[in-house]
Amino acid sequence: MATQGLPLPPIPSLPMSTPVVIESHGFQISKDQLTVLVPVAVAATVGGFLVSRYFTGRKKSQVNTCVCKDSAKVVHSFDIEDIGSKAVYCRCWRSKKFPYCDGSHTKHNEITGDNVGPLIIKKKDA
């Protein structure tokens, strides 16, 4: 005994303007709403990220990270007569021979993109 199933009704064709609805647990979003929500969500995320970077990037940081940290202010003074013909002083605060330059600014500049260099003092030839 062969049973014949009921014929399926024809599937109606939807016009192109009918929105596609995404439904999950009672929450519905149409395709038109989704095309608006996604760019707004992306713009809000990028905007929030840029604002947070702006505020965190502007916080105060110390230049001197290791030289004479027990002093309230680091001051070195030299008599010009004691310098000899030339002296090279550190301005990046990374030198192991501070206040004299040991070339540590080179690595500092590579890492940070900075362009700091030493202070060079020379005596004029008479």
Protein backbone atom coordinates (compact mmCIF):
# COMPACT_ATOMS: atom_id res chain seq x y z
CA MET A 1 0.00 0.00 0.00
CA ALA A 2 1.68 3.05 -1.22
CA THR A 3 0.84 6.24 0.53
CA GLN A 4 1.05 9.41 -1.28
CA GLY A 5 2.14 12.42 0.74
CA LEU A 6 0.27 15.60 0.68
CA PRO A 7 1.46 17.98 -1.98
CA LEU A 8 3.50 20.89 -0.64
CA PRO A 9 2.07 24.31 -1.19
CA PRO A 10 4.05 26.52 -3.54
CA ILE A 11 6.64 28.78 -1.89
CA PRO A 12 5.65 32.39 -2.44
CA SER A 13 8.27 34.62 -3.98
CA LEU A 14 9.16 37.58 -1.80
CA PRO A 15 9.59 41.03 -3.29
CA MET A 16 13.12 42.44 -3.03
CA SER A 17 12.08 45.18 -0.60
CA THR A 18 10.90 42.71 2.06
CA PRO A 19 13.41 42.82 4.92
CA VAL A 20 15.19 39.68 6.02
CA VAL A 21 14.58 39.24 9.73
CA ILE A 22 17.18 37.74 12.04
CA GLU A 23 15.34 36.40 15.06
CA SER A 24 16.87 35.04 18.24
CA HIS A 25 15.05 34.71 21.57
CA GLY A 26 12.46 37.34 20.74
CA PHE A 27 15.00 39.86 19.39
CA GLN A 28 14.44 40.83 15.77
CA ILE A 29 16.70 42.85 13.48
CA SER A 30 15.91 43.48 9.85
CA LYS A 31 18.59 43.61 7.20
CA ASP A 32 18.03 47.37 6.81
CA GLN A 33 18.52 47.91 10.55
CA LEU A 34 21.61 45.73 10.51
CA THR A 35 23.20 47.77 7.71
CA VAL A 36 22.81 50.86 9.93
CA LEU A 37 23.76 49.25 13.24
CA VAL A 38 27.04 47.66 12.13
CA PRO A 39 28.72 50.89 10.91
CA VAL A 40 27.45 52.78 13.99
CA ALA A 41 28.83 50.07 16.30
CA VAL A 42 32.19 50.07 14.49
CA ALA A 43 32.40 53.89 14.61
CA ALA A 44 31.53 53.90 18.33
CA THR A 45 34.17 51.26 19.06
CA VAL A 46 36.89 53.04 17.10
CA GLY A 47 35.91 56.39 18.62
CA GLY A 48 36.02 54.97 22.14
CA PHE A 49 39.42 53.43 21.48
CA LEU A 50 40.86 56.68 20.11
CA VAL A 51 39.48 58.73 23.01
CA SER A 52 40.94 56.29 25.55
CA ARG A 53 44.33 56.39 23.77
CA TYR A 54 44.23 60.19 23.81
CA PHE A 55 43.67 60.36 27.55
CA THR A 56 46.05 57.57 28.53
CA GLY A 57 48.77 58.80 26.18
CA ARG A 58 48.74 62.25 27.78
CA LYS A 59 49.40 61.16 31.34
CA LYS A 60 52.54 62.52 32.91
CA SER A 61 55.55 60.27 32.90
CA GLN A 62 59.03 60.61 34.31
CA VAL A 63 61.97 61.39 32.09
CA ASN A 64 64.56 60.32 34.65
CA THR A 65 63.94 56.67 35.42
CA CYS A 66 67.13 55.73 37.29
CA VAL A 67 69.64 58.55 37.99
CA CYS A 68 69.94 59.83 41.60
CA LYS A 69 66.34 58.94 42.46
CA ASP A 70 67.00 59.68 46.15
CA SER A 71 67.55 63.39 45.38
CA ALA A 72 64.72 65.91 45.03
CA LYS A 73 66.49 67.47 42.02
CA VAL A 74 69.44 66.18 39.99
CA VAL A 75 72.00 68.96 39.47
CA HIS A 76 75.55 68.64 38.24
CA SER A 77 77.87 71.60 37.82
CA PHE A 78 81.33 71.75 36.33
CA ASP A 79 83.95 74.43 36.08
CA ILE A 80 84.84 75.20 32.47
CA GLU A 81 88.52 74.90 33.36
CA ASP A 82 87.99 71.29 34.51
CA ILE A 83 86.40 70.17 31.27
CA GLY A 84 89.52 69.95 29.15
CA SER A 85 89.08 70.45 25.42
CA LYS A 86 85.68 68.74 25.08
CA ALA A 87 82.92 67.20 27.22
CA VAL A 88 79.89 65.19 26.09
CA TYR A 89 76.89 65.22 28.43
CA CYS A 90 73.83 62.96 28.43
CA ARG A 91 70.39 64.45 27.70
CA CYS A 92 68.36 61.22 27.46
CA TRP A 93 68.84 60.13 31.10
CA ARG A 94 69.71 56.58 29.99
CA SER A 95 73.51 56.78 30.30
CA LYS A 96 75.22 54.39 32.73
CA LYS A 97 77.94 57.06 33.14
CA PHE A 98 75.50 59.94 33.80
CA PRO A 99 76.00 62.91 33.55
CA TYR A 100 78.39 61.89 30.76
CA CYS A 101 77.03 60.40 27.54
CA ASP A 102 77.76 56.75 26.81
CA GLY A 103 75.70 56.55 23.58
CA SER A 104 72.57 55.10 25.24
CA HIS A 105 70.47 57.65 23.33
CA THR A 106 71.00 55.60 20.16
CA LYS A 107 69.01 52.65 21.52
CA HIS A 108 66.47 55.00 23.13
CA ASN A 109 65.92 56.75 19.77
CA GLU A 110 65.49 53.42 17.92
CA ILE A 111 62.89 52.21 20.41
CA THR A 112 60.91 55.43 20.83
CA GLY A 113 61.40 57.23 17.51
CA ASP A 114 62.87 60.14 19.47
CA ASN A 115 65.81 62.21 18.19
CA VAL A 116 67.60 63.16 21.41
CA GLY A 117 71.40 63.44 21.40
CA PRO A 118 74.16 64.56 23.73
CA LEU A 119 75.18 68.07 24.75
CA ILE A 120 78.73 68.65 23.50
CA ILE A 121 80.82 71.43 25.01
CA LYS A 122 84.14 72.37 23.39
CA LYS A 123 86.72 74.95 24.28
CA LYS A 124 87.65 77.37 21.55
CA ASP A 125 91.16 77.03 20.25
CA ALA A 126 93.11 80.14 21.06
